[in-house]
């Protein structure tokens, strides 16, 4: 049966019907890929975007979030999820990430949750991130999901543990109240971790059995990298990106083309000015075959 956040997929091949049954846990089915992005064109693109010195500048992260959302919009198998041994297609395309309010050991984190639409472009994503960060950094109140966890923690431990187990059972069936999970990043299409913002390289980050997210993207720090350009090695600014994906959602060929699409969007960043739902030309698709 359908859930409030997804449609049950019935006309699927036998492998994708059986895999969720024999491999029921998301954390046991992680596929990890890495890709190196040439930032030459993207750096120039962002410079042009910021030439009028906007109050909130366009940053590398805005381009990555937009590329991720456009990739998932065009490659919908990545927007599937498995729950209760069934395969579903998510009702929307969304992205989530955390941001430190202050860069110190005690600094609080705030959660951003982007609900995208097919007509969105990088400008809409940029403005939505700015809106949410401005609101969250000024607001002393915590987000709804964190508030729910704080409330559960105040309950006597023997009761709270049972309550959390009950919520996990509800999560399995898609019955957790929306008020408890509306800002939970693990109910998004993709979670992004901008490790480069805290000086780390891209790395592996596990998926979770809680929630529905089947894709995690880790972003390292931008630094000089060797690239093979016309059979000659050039040192250019590059970015390592990691993809942790639930392998039960699609096959390796589909994932390979999907990751190449993500790379193409960042290395031809003018494509980010197009609506997320606008398909690429046949010529561009041929580049990622």
Protein backbone atom coordinates (compact mmCIF):
# COMPACT_ATOMS: atom_id res chain seq x y z
CA UNK A 1 0.00 0.00 0.00
CA UNK A 2 1.05 3.62 -0.55
CA UNK A 3 2.50 5.76 2.26
CA UNK A 4 1.99 9.43 2.95
CA UNK A 5 5.52 10.09 1.64
CA UNK A 6 5.73 7.64 -1.23
CA UNK A 7 3.99 5.47 -3.80
CA UNK A 8 4.43 1.69 -3.72
CA UNK A 9 6.16 0.43 -6.86
CA UNK A 10 4.45 -2.73 -8.11
CA UNK A 11 5.63 -3.24 -11.70
CA UNK A 12 9.29 -3.89 -10.89
CA UNK A 13 11.67 -6.67 -11.86
CA UNK A 14 12.00 -9.73 -9.65
CA UNK A 15 15.43 -8.76 -8.29
CA UNK A 16 14.19 -5.42 -6.94
CA UNK A 17 11.17 -7.19 -5.47
CA UNK A 18 13.22 -9.83 -3.67
CA UNK A 19 16.24 -7.77 -2.53
CA UNK A 20 14.35 -5.71 0.10
CA UNK A 21 13.08 -8.96 1.59
CA UNK A 22 16.38 -10.82 1.83
CA UNK A 23 18.41 -7.67 2.59
CA UNK A 24 16.03 -5.67 4.81
CA UNK A 25 18.48 -3.21 6.40
CA UNK A 26 19.61 -0.08 4.56
CA UNK A 27 22.95 0.02 6.39
CA UNK A 28 23.81 -3.45 5.05
CA UNK A 29 23.38 -2.31 1.45
CA UNK A 30 25.63 0.70 1.04
CA UNK A 31 27.52 1.30 -2.19
CA UNK A 32 30.30 3.91 -1.95
CA UNK A 33 31.56 5.88 -4.96
CA UNK A 34 33.89 8.86 -5.32
CA UNK A 35 34.23 11.42 -8.10
CA UNK A 36 36.70 14.23 -8.76
CA UNK A 37 35.14 17.46 -10.04
CA UNK A 38 37.10 20.02 -12.09
CA UNK A 39 36.11 23.40 -10.63
CA UNK A 40 37.59 25.58 -13.39
CA UNK A 41 34.27 26.46 -15.07
CA UNK A 42 32.29 26.52 -11.83
CA UNK A 43 34.66 29.05 -10.23
CA UNK A 44 34.21 31.36 -13.24
CA UNK A 45 30.44 30.84 -13.15
CA UNK A 46 30.21 31.78 -9.46
CA UNK A 47 32.39 34.83 -10.05
CA UNK A 48 29.93 36.06 -12.69
CA UNK A 49 26.99 35.32 -10.38
CA UNK A 50 28.58 37.43 -7.67
CA UNK A 51 29.84 40.29 -9.84
CA UNK A 52 27.02 42.56 -8.64
CA UNK A 53 28.05 41.80 -5.04
CA UNK A 54 24.75 40.36 -3.76
CA UNK A 55 24.07 40.48 -0.02
CA UNK A 56 24.31 36.69 0.12
CA UNK A 57 26.92 35.45 -2.35
CA UNK A 58 26.55 32.35 -4.50
CA UNK A 59 28.84 29.67 -3.14
CA UNK A 60 30.16 26.30 -4.21
CA UNK A 61 27.70 24.59 -1.87
CA UNK A 62 24.68 26.21 -3.59
CA UNK A 63 25.83 24.73 -6.89
CA UNK A 64 26.31 21.29 -5.34
CA UNK A 65 22.87 21.27 -3.72
CA UNK A 66 21.29 22.36 -7.02
CA UNK A 67 23.22 19.73 -8.98
CA UNK A 68 22.15 17.04 -6.52
CA UNK A 69 18.48 18.04 -6.74
CA UNK A 70 18.55 18.26 -10.54
CA UNK A 71 20.28 14.89 -10.77
CA UNK A 72 17.67 13.21 -8.58
CA UNK A 73 14.83 14.98 -10.41
CA UNK A 74 16.06 13.65 -13.76
CA UNK A 75 17.17 10.25 -12.43
CA UNK A 76 14.13 9.30 -10.38
CA UNK A 77 15.32 5.84 -9.31
CA UNK A 78 17.61 7.66 -6.90
CA UNK A 79 14.45 9.07 -5.31
CA UNK A 80 13.22 5.64 -4.35
CA UNK A 81 13.33 4.25 -0.84
CA UNK A 82 12.77 0.92 0.84
CA UNK A 83 10.58 0.54 3.93
CA UNK A 84 9.01 -2.57 5.46
CA UNK A 85 10.58 -4.71 2.67
CA UNK A 86 8.82 -2.70 -0.06
CA UNK A 87 10.13 -0.34 -2.74
CA UNK A 88 8.57 3.13 -2.96
CA UNK A 89 8.96 6.24 -5.10
CA UNK A 90 9.15 9.38 -2.98
CA UNK A 91 6.41 11.98 -3.49
CA UNK A 92 8.86 14.90 -3.67
CA UNK A 93 12.51 15.67 -4.27
CA UNK A 94 14.28 17.17 -1.27
CA UNK A 95 17.70 17.80 0.22
CA UNK A 96 18.81 18.23 3.82
CA UNK A 97 22.00 19.31 5.57
CA UNK A 98 23.21 20.70 8.88
CA UNK A 99 24.97 24.02 9.44
CA UNK A 100 27.02 25.09 12.46
CA UNK A 101 25.80 28.32 14.04
CA UNK A 102 29.28 28.97 15.41
CA UNK A 103 32.55 27.28 14.46
CA UNK A 104 33.59 26.05 17.89
CA UNK A 105 33.25 22.80 19.84
CA UNK A 106 30.12 23.99 21.64
CA UNK A 107 28.46 25.61 18.60
CA UNK A 108 24.91 24.44 17.95
CA UNK A 109 23.86 22.93 14.63
CA UNK A 110 20.77 23.93 12.68
CA UNK A 111 18.95 21.76 10.15
CA UNK A 112 18.05 22.94 6.65
CA UNK A 113 15.48 21.04 4.60
CA UNK A 114 14.95 22.04 0.95
CA UNK A 115 11.66 20.96 -0.65
CA UNK A 116 12.39 21.48 -4.33
CA UNK A 117 10.04 21.96 -7.26
CA UNK A 118 10.68 21.07 -10.94
CA UNK A 119 10.66 24.77 -11.89
CA UNK A 120 13.39 25.70 -9.36
CA UNK A 121 16.79 26.91 -10.60
CA UNK A 122 20.00 27.62 -8.71
CA UNK A 123 18.58 31.08 -7.94
CA UNK A 124 15.63 29.56 -6.09
CA UNK A 125 17.86 27.14 -4.18
CA UNK A 126 20.24 29.97 -3.26
CA UNK A 127 17.36 32.14 -1.99
CA UNK A 128 15.74 29.28 -0.03
CA UNK A 129 19.00 28.40 1.72
CA UNK A 130 19.52 32.06 2.58
CA UNK A 131 15.95 32.34 3.93
CA UNK A 132 16.29 29.26 6.11
CA UNK A 133 19.74 30.07 7.45
CA UNK A 134 18.75 33.65 8.30
CA UNK A 135 15.68 32.43 10.16
CA UNK A 136 17.40 29.55 11.96
CA UNK A 137 20.48 31.51 13.04
CA UNK A 138 18.37 34.33 14.48
CA UNK A 139 15.83 32.03 16.09
CA UNK A 140 16.77 30.71 19.51
CA UNK A 141 14.15 27.97 19.23
CA UNK A 142 15.21 24.56 17.91
CA UNK A 143 13.70 22.86 14.89
CA UNK A 144 10.67 20.56 15.25
CA UNK A 145 12.59 17.27 15.06
CA UNK A 146 15.19 18.35 17.63
CA UNK A 147 12.41 19.63 19.89
CA UNK A 148 10.72 16.21 19.72
CA UNK A 149 13.98 14.46 20.66
CA UNK A 150 14.52 16.88 23.55
CA UNK A 151 11.02 16.12 24.85
CA UNK A 152 11.59 12.35 24.67
CA UNK A 153 14.89 12.71 26.54
CA UNK A 154 13.11 14.34 29.50
CA UNK A 155 10.87 11.32 30.00
CA UNK A 156 12.11 8.64 32.44
CA UNK A 157 14.59 6.43 30.62
CA UNK A 158 12.70 3.13 30.85
CA UNK A 159 9.71 4.84 29.22
CA UNK A 160 11.66 6.86 26.64
CA UNK A 161 13.53 3.77 25.38
CA UNK A 162 10.25 1.94 24.84
CA UNK A 163 8.81 5.03 23.14
CA UNK A 164 11.77 5.27 20.74
CA UNK A 165 11.41 1.56 19.86
CA UNK A 166 7.72 2.15 19.21
CA UNK A 167 8.59 5.11 16.95
CA UNK A 168 11.01 2.88 15.04
CA UNK A 169 8.16 0.43 14.46
CA UNK A 170 5.97 3.31 13.27
CA UNK A 171 8.81 4.51 11.06
CA UNK A 172 8.91 1.10 9.38
CA UNK A 173 5.27 1.49 8.37
CA UNK A 174 5.38 5.22 7.59
CA UNK A 175 3.19 6.17 10.53
CA UNK A 176 5.48 8.57 12.44
CA UNK A 177 3.59 11.88 12.88
CA UNK A 178 4.77 14.51 10.42
CA UNK A 179 5.19 16.99 13.27
CA UNK A 180 8.01 14.82 14.66
CA UNK A 181 9.95 14.36 11.43
CA UNK A 182 9.21 17.44 9.32
CA UNK A 183 12.81 18.64 9.68
CA UNK A 184 14.43 15.21 10.05
CA UNK A 185 17.19 15.04 7.38
CA UNK A 186 16.83 11.27 7.13
CA UNK A 187 13.44 11.68 5.49
CA UNK A 188 14.88 13.61 2.54
CA UNK A 189 15.90 12.41 -0.93
CA UNK A 190 19.55 13.20 -0.18
CA UNK A 191 21.59 14.32 2.82
CA UNK A 192 24.65 16.45 2.11
CA UNK A 193 27.66 16.80 4.40
CA UNK A 194 29.89 19.76 3.56
CA UNK A 195 33.04 18.39 5.20
CA UNK A 196 35.19 20.87 3.34
CA UNK A 197 33.64 23.70 5.38
CA UNK A 198 35.33 22.27 8.48
CA UNK A 199 38.62 21.51 6.72
CA UNK A 200 38.09 17.80 6.03
CA UNK A 201 38.46 15.81 2.85
CA UNK A 202 35.53 13.93 1.38
CA UNK A 203 34.88 10.60 3.07
CA UNK A 204 32.42 7.86 3.81
CA UNK A 205 29.26 8.46 5.87
CA UNK A 206 26.90 5.62 6.69
CA UNK A 207 23.23 5.54 5.77
CA UNK A 208 20.66 4.90 8.51
CA UNK A 209 17.93 2.31 8.98
CA UNK A 210 15.77 5.07 10.46
CA UNK A 211 13.92 7.23 7.94
CA UNK A 212 13.90 6.80 4.17
CA UNK A 213 17.06 8.47 2.81
CA UNK A 214 18.95 6.24 0.40
CA UNK A 215 21.61 8.72 -0.73
CA UNK A 216 24.32 10.62 1.17
CA UNK A 217 26.77 13.01 -0.51
CA UNK A 218 29.98 14.06 1.22
CA UNK A 219 31.84 17.13 -0.04
CA UNK A 220 35.53 17.59 0.64
CA UNK A 221 37.65 20.72 0.62
CA UNK A 222 38.52 22.30 -2.72
CA UNK A 223 42.24 22.08 -3.47
CA UNK A 224 44.68 21.77 -6.35
CA UNK A 225 44.48 18.40 -8.11
CA UNK A 226 46.11 16.83 -11.18
CA UNK A 227 43.80 16.47 -14.20
CA UNK A 228 44.46 14.74 -17.52
CA UNK A 229 43.64 17.38 -20.14
CA UNK A 230 44.25 16.31 -23.75
CA UNK A 231 46.80 13.71 -22.58
CA UNK A 232 48.68 16.30 -20.55
CA UNK A 233 48.61 16.69 -16.79
CA UNK A 234 47.35 20.06 -15.55
CA UNK A 235 47.00 21.21 -11.96
CA UNK A 236 43.55 22.69 -11.44
CA UNK A 237 41.29 23.42 -8.49
CA UNK A 238 39.31 20.26 -7.89
CA UNK A 239 36.81 18.78 -5.48
CA UNK A 240 36.44 15.21 -4.23
CA UNK A 241 32.81 14.15 -3.72
CA UNK A 242 31.63 10.92 -2.13
CA UNK A 243 28.34 9.14 -2.82
CA UNK A 244 26.90 6.60 -0.41
CA UNK A 245 23.85 5.02 -2.03
CA UNK A 246 21.44 2.21 -1.14
CA UNK A 247 22.41 -0.36 -3.77
CA UNK A 248 18.93 -1.91 -3.73
CA UNK A 249 17.37 1.09 -5.50
CA UNK A 250 18.90 0.57 -8.97
CA UNK A 251 21.75 -1.21 -10.74
CA UNK A 252 25.38 -0.16 -11.12
CA UNK A 253 24.96 1.07 -14.70
CA UNK A 254 22.17 3.42 -13.61
CA UNK A 255 24.32 4.74 -10.75
CA UNK A 256 27.31 5.27 -13.06
CA UNK A 257 25.30 7.46 -15.45
CA UNK A 258 23.71 9.28 -12.53
CA UNK A 259 27.06 10.22 -10.99
CA UNK A 260 28.40 11.29 -14.40
CA UNK A 261 25.33 13.53 -14.76
CA UNK A 262 26.09 15.15 -11.39
CA UNK A 263 29.69 15.74 -12.51
CA UNK A 264 28.52 17.20 -15.85
CA UNK A 265 26.20 19.68 -14.12
CA UNK A 266 29.05 21.05 -12.02
CA UNK A 267 31.56 21.18 -14.87
CA UNK A 268 29.00 22.84 -17.19
CA UNK A 269 27.40 25.02 -14.49
CA UNK A 270 25.28 27.08 -16.92
CA UNK A 271 22.95 24.05 -16.79
CA UNK A 272 22.15 24.99 -13.18
CA UNK A 273 20.29 28.06 -14.47
CA UNK A 274 17.76 25.74 -16.14
CA UNK A 275 14.74 24.44 -14.21
CA UNK A 276 15.47 21.26 -12.24
CA UNK A 277 12.87 19.36 -14.23
CA UNK A 278 14.13 20.43 -17.66
CA UNK A 279 15.68 17.49 -19.48
CA UNK A 280 19.10 17.67 -21.06
CA UNK A 281 19.63 17.68 -24.79
CA UNK A 282 20.51 14.43 -26.53
CA UNK A 283 23.99 15.80 -27.15
CA UNK A 284 24.58 16.31 -23.43
CA UNK A 285 23.17 12.88 -22.58
CA UNK A 286 25.63 11.37 -25.01
CA UNK A 287 28.45 12.89 -22.95
CA UNK A 288 27.53 10.79 -19.94
CA UNK A 289 26.87 7.49 -21.69
